[in-house]
Amino acid sequence: MRIADFKSALKIAPAKTDGNLFMKRAAVFYWLIGIVIAAIAIATAFYFDGTVRDFMAQHQNPMMRNFMRNVSFYGDWPSHLVLGVILLAIAWRRQSKKWMRIFLSMLVAMAIAGGAGTVIKRTIPRARPSVKSELRWGGPRFSTKYHAFPSGHVGASTAFFGILIFTRRRIGLACLPIPILIGLSRMYLGAHYLSDVVCAAVLGIVCAAIVWRFFLPHQQWATSKIEKNEQEQGL
């Protein structure tokens, strides 16, 4: 029996190795597809910057502007911070280590995106669409009027909810309209160009992916999913 078990183990081992190799190749493929999509989205956004800016300027009305101002105000990082702390406290109260880790990761990803966005703003100053100046790039590094690129609101919100996309896809996709609406509000108010919003969204997703990769035990999510499928199939 021991010899038979040893032979069986030898037969199973290559299958597991092939499975791991396939998963790694699939992950690389998906990352490459994501990079290509992000590059196309960024290039397209820069191309339509002027068109979107003019469209937003031509469709201004007091009611919509007041609504977008509220969205922009409550969509900033302090509101996300309060929400994350409340959710973290609820998870701690219920002693859910899994959700505590998720909510903490959301806060960490948001902080990283905010820090990276601030560095980029001051390194590559860009005038906001509402600023009447011929100088679109460059200018005072510490002037908020030249902090258009990228959007701090969108970067923080995308990183915050991006963690959910990697860990709880359905919930994350359901929350996706929040950063999208925040981005629309920033463009409507003349605070950012389309490219500022798109680049901030890409930055947020990258920060969320980094936190998910190094802070969250993502292999545990895959294992749990496999076990759940096996249970449903009666294995």
C-alpha atoms as a PDB file:
ATOM      1  CA  MET A   1       0.000   0.000   0.000  1.00  0.00           C
ATOM      2  CA  ARG A   2       2.818   2.356   0.776  1.00  0.00           C
ATOM      3  CA  ILE A   3       4.446   1.796  -2.634  1.00  0.00           C
ATOM      4  CA  ALA A   4       1.094   2.323  -4.340  1.00  0.00           C
ATOM      5  CA  ASP A   5       0.511   5.519  -2.401  1.00  0.00           C
ATOM      6  CA  PHE A   6       3.990   6.746  -3.343  1.00  0.00           C
ATOM      7  CA  LYS A   7       3.323   6.055  -7.037  1.00  0.00           C
ATOM      8  CA  SER A   8      -0.027   7.808  -6.824  1.00  0.00           C
ATOM      9  CA  ALA A   9       1.642  10.836  -5.280  1.00  0.00           C
ATOM     10  CA  LEU A  10       4.158  10.912  -8.115  1.00  0.00           C
ATOM     11  CA  LYS A  11       1.331  10.877 -10.646  1.00  0.00           C
ATOM     12  CA  ILE A  12      -0.592  13.667  -8.928  1.00  0.00           C
ATOM     13  CA  ALA A  13       2.394  15.999  -8.398  1.00  0.00           C
ATOM     14  CA  PRO A  14       2.905  16.940 -12.085  1.00  0.00           C
ATOM     15  CA  ALA A  15      -0.787  17.783 -12.392  1.00  0.00           C
ATOM     16  CA  LYS A  16      -0.545  20.227  -9.511  1.00  0.00           C
ATOM     17  CA  THR A  17       2.601  21.734 -10.995  1.00  0.00           C
ATOM     18  CA  ASP A  18       0.919  22.133 -14.376  1.00  0.00           C
ATOM     19  CA  GLY A  19      -2.073  23.728 -12.652  1.00  0.00           C
ATOM     20  CA  ASN A  20       0.091  26.253 -10.826  1.00  0.00           C
ATOM     21  CA  LEU A  21       1.969  27.062 -14.029  1.00  0.00           C
ATOM     22  CA  PHE A  22      -1.312  27.596 -15.850  1.00  0.00           C
ATOM     23  CA  MET A  23      -2.563  29.916 -13.093  1.00  0.00           C
ATOM     24  CA  LYS A  24       0.651  31.963 -13.244  1.00  0.00           C
ATOM     25  CA  ARG A  25       0.468  32.268 -17.021  1.00  0.00           C
ATOM     26  CA  ALA A  26      -3.205  33.240 -16.810  1.00  0.00           C
ATOM     27  CA  ALA A  27      -2.380  35.912 -14.205  1.00  0.00           C
ATOM     28  CA  VAL A  28       0.371  37.360 -16.427  1.00  0.00           C
ATOM     29  CA  PHE A  29      -2.015  37.338 -19.396  1.00  0.00           C
ATOM     30  CA  TYR A  30      -4.714  39.197 -17.459  1.00  0.00           C
ATOM     31  CA  TRP A  31      -2.192  41.769 -16.214  1.00  0.00           C
ATOM     32  CA  LEU A  32      -0.987  42.377 -19.769  1.00  0.00           C
ATOM     33  CA  ILE A  33      -4.572  42.810 -20.966  1.00  0.00           C
ATOM     34  CA  GLY A  34      -5.182  45.228 -18.098  1.00  0.00           C
ATOM     35  CA  ILE A  35      -2.090  47.272 -19.003  1.00  0.00           C
ATOM     36  CA  VAL A  36      -3.168  47.489 -22.650  1.00  0.00           C
ATOM     37  CA  ILE A  37      -6.703  48.562 -21.685  1.00  0.00           C
ATOM     38  CA  ALA A  38      -5.353  51.164 -19.249  1.00  0.00           C
ATOM     39  CA  ALA A  39      -2.973  52.567 -21.889  1.00  0.00           C
ATOM     40  CA  ILE A  40      -5.774  52.845 -24.459  1.00  0.00           C
ATOM     41  CA  ALA A  41      -8.091  54.479 -21.913  1.00  0.00           C
ATOM     42  CA  ILE A  42      -5.449  57.048 -20.909  1.00  0.00           C
ATOM     43  CA  ALA A  43      -4.579  57.912 -24.517  1.00  0.00           C
ATOM     44  CA  THR A  44      -8.269  58.273 -25.402  1.00  0.00           C
ATOM     45  CA  ALA A  45      -8.883  60.446 -22.342  1.00  0.00           C
ATOM     46  CA  PHE A  46      -6.101  62.877 -23.273  1.00  0.00           C
ATOM     47  CA  TYR A  47      -7.482  63.064 -26.809  1.00  0.00           C
ATOM     48  CA  PHE A  48     -10.987  64.009 -25.620  1.00  0.00           C
ATOM     49  CA  ASP A  49      -9.907  66.365 -22.823  1.00  0.00           C
ATOM     50  CA  GLY A  50     -10.985  69.503 -24.637  1.00  0.00           C
ATOM     51  CA  THR A  51     -14.231  68.018 -25.926  1.00  0.00           C
ATOM     52  CA  VAL A  52     -15.367  66.860 -22.490  1.00  0.00           C
ATOM     53  CA  ARG A  53     -14.320  70.154 -20.882  1.00  0.00           C
ATOM     54  CA  ASP A  54     -16.363  72.151 -23.402  1.00  0.00           C
ATOM     55  CA  PHE A  55     -19.338  69.815 -23.036  1.00  0.00           C
ATOM     56  CA  MET A  56     -19.336  70.220 -19.258  1.00  0.00           C
ATOM     57  CA  ALA A  57     -19.044  73.999 -19.568  1.00  0.00           C
ATOM     58  CA  GLN A  58     -21.967  74.191 -21.993  1.00  0.00           C
ATOM     59  CA  HIS A  59     -24.318  72.121 -19.832  1.00  0.00           C
ATOM     60  CA  GLN A  60     -24.149  73.979 -16.545  1.00  0.00           C
ATOM     61  CA  ASN A  61     -27.233  74.667 -14.444  1.00  0.00           C
ATOM     62  CA  PRO A  62     -27.569  75.700 -10.773  1.00  0.00           C
ATOM     63  CA  MET A  63     -29.388  72.566  -9.598  1.00  0.00           C
ATOM     64  CA  MET A  64     -26.938  70.126 -11.194  1.00  0.00           C
ATOM     65  CA  ARG A  65     -23.970  72.199 -10.072  1.00  0.00           C
ATOM     66  CA  ASN A  66     -25.199  72.158  -6.476  1.00  0.00           C
ATOM     67  CA  PHE A  67     -25.694  68.381  -6.674  1.00  0.00           C
ATOM     68  CA  MET A  68     -22.224  67.834  -8.112  1.00  0.00           C
ATOM     69  CA  ARG A  69     -20.728  70.117  -5.471  1.00  0.00           C
ATOM     70  CA  ASN A  70     -22.242  67.913  -2.744  1.00  0.00           C
ATOM     71  CA  VAL A  71     -21.006  64.755  -4.475  1.00  0.00           C
ATOM     72  CA  SER A  72     -17.521  66.239  -4.681  1.00  0.00           C
ATOM     73  CA  PHE A  73     -17.602  67.331  -1.045  1.00  0.00           C
ATOM     74  CA  TYR A  74     -18.797  64.016   0.395  1.00  0.00           C
ATOM     75  CA  GLY A  75     -16.704  62.038  -2.084  1.00  0.00           C
ATOM     76  CA  ASP A  76     -13.412  63.309  -0.705  1.00  0.00           C
ATOM     77  CA  TRP A  77     -11.065  61.112   1.344  1.00  0.00           C
ATOM     78  CA  PRO A  78     -12.340  62.191   4.828  1.00  0.00           C
ATOM     79  CA  SER A  79     -15.745  60.650   4.116  1.00  0.00           C
ATOM     80  CA  HIS A  80     -14.107  57.453   2.898  1.00  0.00           C
ATOM     81  CA  LEU A  81     -11.913  57.435   5.996  1.00  0.00           C
ATOM     82  CA  VAL A  82     -14.936  57.740   8.301  1.00  0.00           C
ATOM     83  CA  LEU A  83     -16.768  54.995   6.386  1.00  0.00           C
ATOM     84  CA  GLY A  84     -13.743  52.703   6.527  1.00  0.00           C
ATOM     85  CA  VAL A  85     -13.256  53.225  10.261  1.00  0.00           C
ATOM     86  CA  ILE A  86     -16.943  52.549  10.942  1.00  0.00           C
ATOM     87  CA  LEU A  87     -16.885  49.351   8.879  1.00  0.00           C
ATOM     88  CA  LEU A  88     -13.651  48.293  10.588  1.00  0.00           C
ATOM     89  CA  ALA A  89     -15.237  48.871  14.003  1.00  0.00           C
ATOM     90  CA  ILE A  90     -18.297  46.803  13.019  1.00  0.00           C
ATOM     91  CA  ALA A  91     -16.079  43.953  11.804  1.00  0.00           C
ATOM     92  CA  TRP A  92     -14.056  44.132  15.023  1.00  0.00           C
ATOM     93  CA  ARG A  93     -17.257  44.091  17.057  1.00  0.00           C
ATOM     94  CA  ARG A  94     -18.410  40.957  15.254  1.00  0.00           C
ATOM     95  CA  GLN A  95     -14.915  39.448  15.540  1.00  0.00           C
ATOM     96  CA  SER A  96     -14.637  38.934  11.789  1.00  0.00           C
ATOM     97  CA  LYS A  97     -10.890  38.853  11.092  1.00  0.00           C
ATOM     98  CA  LYS A  98     -11.508  38.400   7.378  1.00  0.00           C
ATOM     99  CA  TRP A  99     -13.535  41.607   7.026  1.00  0.00           C
ATOM    100  CA  MET A 100     -11.267  43.487   9.410  1.00  0.00           C
ATOM    101  CA  ARG A 101      -8.400  42.715   7.074  1.00  0.00           C
ATOM    102  CA  ILE A 102     -10.436  43.806   4.043  1.00  0.00           C
ATOM    103  CA  PHE A 103     -11.572  47.110   5.564  1.00  0.00           C
ATOM    104  CA  LEU A 104      -8.075  47.862   6.841  1.00  0.00           C
ATOM    105  CA  SER A 105      -6.705  47.137   3.369  1.00  0.00           C
ATOM    106  CA  MET A 106      -9.226  49.586   1.903  1.00  0.00           C
ATOM    107  CA  LEU A 107      -7.896  52.312   4.196  1.00  0.00           C
ATOM    108  CA  VAL A 108      -4.270  51.452   3.429  1.00  0.00           C
ATOM    109  CA  ALA A 109      -4.876  51.439  -0.340  1.00  0.00           C
ATOM    110  CA  MET A 110      -6.611  54.810  -0.114  1.00  0.00           C
ATOM    111  CA  ALA A 111      -3.702  56.254   1.876  1.00  0.00           C
ATOM    112  CA  ILE A 112      -1.153  54.989  -0.660  1.00  0.00           C
ATOM    113  CA  ALA A 113      -3.162  56.397  -3.576  1.00  0.00           C
ATOM    114  CA  GLY A 114      -3.514  59.734  -1.784  1.00  0.00           C
ATOM    115  CA  GLY A 115       0.216  59.957  -1.076  1.00  0.00           C
ATOM    116  CA  ALA A 116       1.192  58.956  -4.606  1.00  0.00           C
ATOM    117  CA  GLY A 117      -1.316  61.394  -6.089  1.00  0.00           C
ATOM    118  CA  THR A 118       0.044  64.269  -4.011  1.00  0.00           C
ATOM    119  CA  VAL A 119       3.604  63.549  -5.135  1.00  0.00           C
ATOM    120  CA  ILE A 120       2.518  63.463  -8.793  1.00  0.00           C
ATOM    121  CA  LYS A 121       0.528  66.705  -8.422  1.00  0.00           C
ATOM    122  CA  ARG A 122       3.565  68.578  -7.144  1.00  0.00           C
ATOM    123  CA  THR A 123       5.995  66.921  -9.528  1.00  0.00           C
ATOM    124  CA  ILE A 124       3.850  67.486 -12.628  1.00  0.00           C
ATOM    125  CA  PRO A 125       1.733  70.606 -11.954  1.00  0.00           C
ATOM    126  CA  ARG A 126      -1.237  70.964 -14.285  1.00  0.00           C
ATOM    127  CA  ALA A 127      -3.641  73.900 -14.380  1.00  0.00           C
ATOM    128  CA  ARG A 128      -7.257  73.060 -13.652  1.00  0.00           C
ATOM    129  CA  PRO A 129      -9.767  73.589 -16.490  1.00  0.00           C
ATOM    130  CA  SER A 130     -11.324  76.479 -14.572  1.00  0.00           C
ATOM    131  CA  VAL A 131      -8.002  78.358 -14.460  1.00  0.00           C
ATOM    132  CA  LYS A 132      -7.704  80.951 -17.216  1.00  0.00           C
ATOM    133  CA  SER A 133      -4.084  80.526 -18.190  1.00  0.00           C
ATOM    134  CA  GLU A 134      -2.190  79.673 -21.360  1.00  0.00           C
ATOM    135  CA  LEU A 135       0.177  77.577 -19.269  1.00  0.00           C
ATOM    136  CA  ARG A 136      -1.544  74.188 -18.984  1.00  0.00           C
ATOM    137  CA  TRP A 137       1.441  72.201 -17.714  1.00  0.00           C
ATOM    138  CA  GLY A 138       3.924  73.510 -15.199  1.00  0.00           C
ATOM    139  CA  GLY A 139       3.349  76.351 -12.808  1.00  0.00           C
ATOM    140  CA  PRO A 140       3.436  76.702  -9.005  1.00  0.00           C
ATOM    141  CA  ARG A 141       3.886  73.273  -7.434  1.00  0.00           C
ATOM    142  CA  PHE A 142       2.164  74.179  -4.192  1.00  0.00           C
ATOM    143  CA  SER A 143      -0.779  76.045  -5.707  1.00  0.00           C
ATOM    144  CA  THR A 144      -4.031  74.054  -5.621  1.00  0.00           C
ATOM    145  CA  LYS A 145      -4.985  75.734  -8.909  1.00  0.00           C
ATOM    146  CA  TYR A 146      -2.268  73.653 -10.555  1.00  0.00           C
ATOM    147  CA  HIS A 147      -3.089  70.358  -8.856  1.00  0.00           C
ATOM    148  CA  ALA A 148      -5.348  68.972 -11.569  1.00  0.00           C
ATOM    149  CA  PHE A 149      -3.303  65.860 -12.432  1.00  0.00           C
ATOM    150  CA  PRO A 150      -4.369  63.386 -11.186  1.00  0.00           C
ATOM    151  CA  SER A 151      -7.701  63.696  -9.367  1.00  0.00           C
ATOM    152  CA  GLY A 152      -7.174  63.038  -5.675  1.00  0.00           C
ATOM    153  CA  HIS A 153     -10.878  62.382  -5.113  1.00  0.00           C
ATOM    154  CA  VAL A 154     -11.072  59.697  -7.789  1.00  0.00           C
ATOM    155  CA  GLY A 155      -7.741  58.095  -6.911  1.00  0.00           C
ATOM    156  CA  ALA A 156      -8.669  57.709  -3.246  1.00  0.00           C
ATOM    157  CA  SER A 157     -12.192  56.443  -3.956  1.00  0.00           C
ATOM    158  CA  THR A 158     -11.053  53.971  -6.628  1.00  0.00           C
ATOM    159  CA  ALA A 159      -8.325  52.560  -4.382  1.00  0.00           C
ATOM    160  CA  PHE A 160     -10.782  52.341  -1.480  1.00  0.00           C
ATOM    161  CA  PHE A 161     -13.435  50.376  -3.359  1.00  0.00           C
ATOM    162  CA  GLY A 162     -10.914  48.653  -5.613  1.00  0.00           C
ATOM    163  CA  ILE A 163      -9.996  46.300  -2.768  1.00  0.00           C
ATOM    164  CA  LEU A 164     -13.562  45.013  -2.836  1.00  0.00           C
ATOM    165  CA  ILE A 165     -13.272  44.319  -6.563  1.00  0.00           C
ATOM    166  CA  PHE A 166     -10.334  41.997  -5.878  1.00  0.00           C
ATOM    167  CA  THR A 167     -11.794  40.313  -2.789  1.00  0.00           C
ATOM    168  CA  ARG A 168     -15.588  40.553  -3.163  1.00  0.00           C
ATOM    169  CA  ARG A 169     -16.222  41.206  -6.823  1.00  0.00           C
ATOM    170  CA  ARG A 170     -20.002  41.597  -6.703  1.00  0.00           C
ATOM    171  CA  ILE A 171     -19.866  44.112  -3.870  1.00  0.00           C
ATOM    172  CA  GLY A 172     -16.972  45.942  -5.508  1.00  0.00           C
ATOM    173  CA  LEU A 173     -18.774  46.256  -8.852  1.00  0.00           C
ATOM    174  CA  ALA A 174     -21.901  47.446  -7.037  1.00  0.00           C
ATOM    175  CA  CYS A 175     -19.807  50.222  -5.433  1.00  0.00           C
ATOM    176  CA  LEU A 176     -18.105  51.139  -8.711  1.00  0.00           C
ATOM    177  CA  PRO A 177     -20.661  53.894  -9.577  1.00  0.00           C
ATOM    178  CA  ILE A 178     -19.425  55.864  -6.538  1.00  0.00           C
ATOM    179  CA  PRO A 179     -15.944  56.757  -7.892  1.00  0.00           C
ATOM    180  CA  ILE A 180     -17.466  57.198 -11.368  1.00  0.00           C
ATOM    181  CA  LEU A 181     -19.971  59.744 -10.041  1.00  0.00           C
ATOM    182  CA  ILE A 182     -17.212  61.479  -8.091  1.00  0.00           C
ATOM    183  CA  GLY A 183     -15.150  61.745 -11.271  1.00  0.00           C
ATOM    184  CA  LEU A 184     -18.092  63.243 -13.153  1.00  0.00           C
ATOM    185  CA  SER A 185     -18.602  65.788 -10.384  1.00  0.00           C
ATOM    186  CA  ARG A 186     -14.968  66.877 -10.512  1.00  0.00           C
ATOM    187  CA  MET A 187     -15.135  67.401 -14.267  1.00  0.00           C
ATOM    188  CA  TYR A 188     -18.487  69.165 -14.068  1.00  0.00           C
ATOM    189  CA  LEU A 189     -17.121  71.620 -11.513  1.00  0.00           C
ATOM    190  CA  GLY A 190     -14.139  72.390 -13.723  1.00  0.00           C
ATOM    191  CA  ALA A 191     -11.624  70.940 -11.283  1.00  0.00           C
ATOM    192  CA  HIS A 192     -10.240  68.206 -13.555  1.00  0.00           C
ATOM    193  CA  TYR A 193      -9.901  67.093 -17.129  1.00  0.00           C
ATOM    194  CA  LEU A 194     -11.054  63.684 -18.322  1.00  0.00           C
ATOM    195  CA  SER A 195      -7.441  62.454 -18.376  1.00  0.00           C
ATOM    196  CA  ASP A 196      -6.993  63.544 -14.748  1.00  0.00           C
ATOM    197  CA  VAL A 197      -9.916  61.347 -13.749  1.00  0.00           C
ATOM    198  CA  VAL A 198      -8.918  58.342 -15.875  1.00  0.00           C
ATOM    199  CA  CYS A 199      -5.281  58.415 -14.731  1.00  0.00           C
ATOM    200  CA  ALA A 200      -6.437  58.718 -11.117  1.00  0.00           C
ATOM    201  CA  ALA A 201      -8.689  55.684 -11.568  1.00  0.00           C
ATOM    202  CA  VAL A 202      -5.765  53.684 -12.971  1.00  0.00           C
ATOM    203  CA  LEU A 203      -3.590  54.822 -10.067  1.00  0.00           C
ATOM    204  CA  GLY A 204      -6.277  53.767  -7.589  1.00  0.00           C
ATOM    205  CA  ILE A 205      -6.638  50.317  -9.138  1.00  0.00           C
ATOM    206  CA  VAL A 206      -2.854  49.817  -9.119  1.00  0.00           C
ATOM    207  CA  CYS A 207      -2.646  50.802  -5.442  1.00  0.00           C
ATOM    208  CA  ALA A 208      -5.516  48.468  -4.590  1.00  0.00           C
ATOM    209  CA  ALA A 209      -3.840  45.641  -6.525  1.00  0.00           C
ATOM    210  CA  ILE A 210      -0.544  46.182  -4.695  1.00  0.00           C
ATOM    211  CA  VAL A 211      -2.228  46.106  -1.280  1.00  0.00           C
ATOM    212  CA  TRP A 212      -4.279  43.061  -2.273  1.00  0.00           C
ATOM    213  CA  ARG A 213      -1.179  41.259  -3.504  1.00  0.00           C
ATOM    214  CA  PHE A 214       1.067  41.909  -0.499  1.00  0.00           C
ATOM    215  CA  PHE A 215      -1.325  42.531   2.393  1.00  0.00           C
ATOM    216  CA  LEU A 216      -4.297  40.273   1.785  1.00  0.00           C
ATOM    217  CA  PRO A 217      -3.930  36.475   1.644  1.00  0.00           C
ATOM    218  CA  HIS A 218      -5.395  36.319  -1.874  1.00  0.00           C
ATOM    219  CA  GLN A 219      -4.572  32.622  -2.156  1.00  0.00           C
ATOM    220  CA  GLN A 220      -7.034  32.072   0.658  1.00  0.00           C
ATOM    221  CA  TRP A 221      -9.815  33.614  -1.454  1.00  0.00           C
ATOM    222  CA  ALA A 222      -9.005  31.274  -4.341  1.00  0.00           C
ATOM    223  CA  THR A 223      -8.873  28.247  -2.045  1.00  0.00           C
ATOM    224  CA  SER A 224     -12.186  29.120  -0.436  1.00  0.00           C
ATOM    225  CA  LYS A 225     -13.765  29.505  -3.863  1.00  0.00           C
ATOM    226  CA  ILE A 226     -12.484  26.094  -4.975  1.00  0.00           C
ATOM    227  CA  GLU A 227     -13.760  24.465  -1.779  1.00  0.00           C
ATOM    228  CA  LYS A 228     -17.150  26.115  -2.250  1.00  0.00           C
ATOM    229  CA  ASN A 229     -17.394  24.806  -5.822  1.00  0.00           C
ATOM    230  CA  GLU A 230     -16.468  21.339  -4.686  1.00  0.00           C
ATOM    231  CA  GLN A 231     -19.144  21.410  -2.007  1.00  0.00           C
ATOM    232  CA  GLU A 232     -21.748  22.510  -4.527  1.00  0.00           C
ATOM    233  CA  GLN A 233     -20.739  19.656  -6.838  1.00  0.00           C
ATOM    234  CA  GLY A 234     -20.942  17.186  -3.963  1.00  0.00           C
ATOM    235  CA  LEU A 235     -17.225  16.384  -3.920  1.00  0.00           C
END
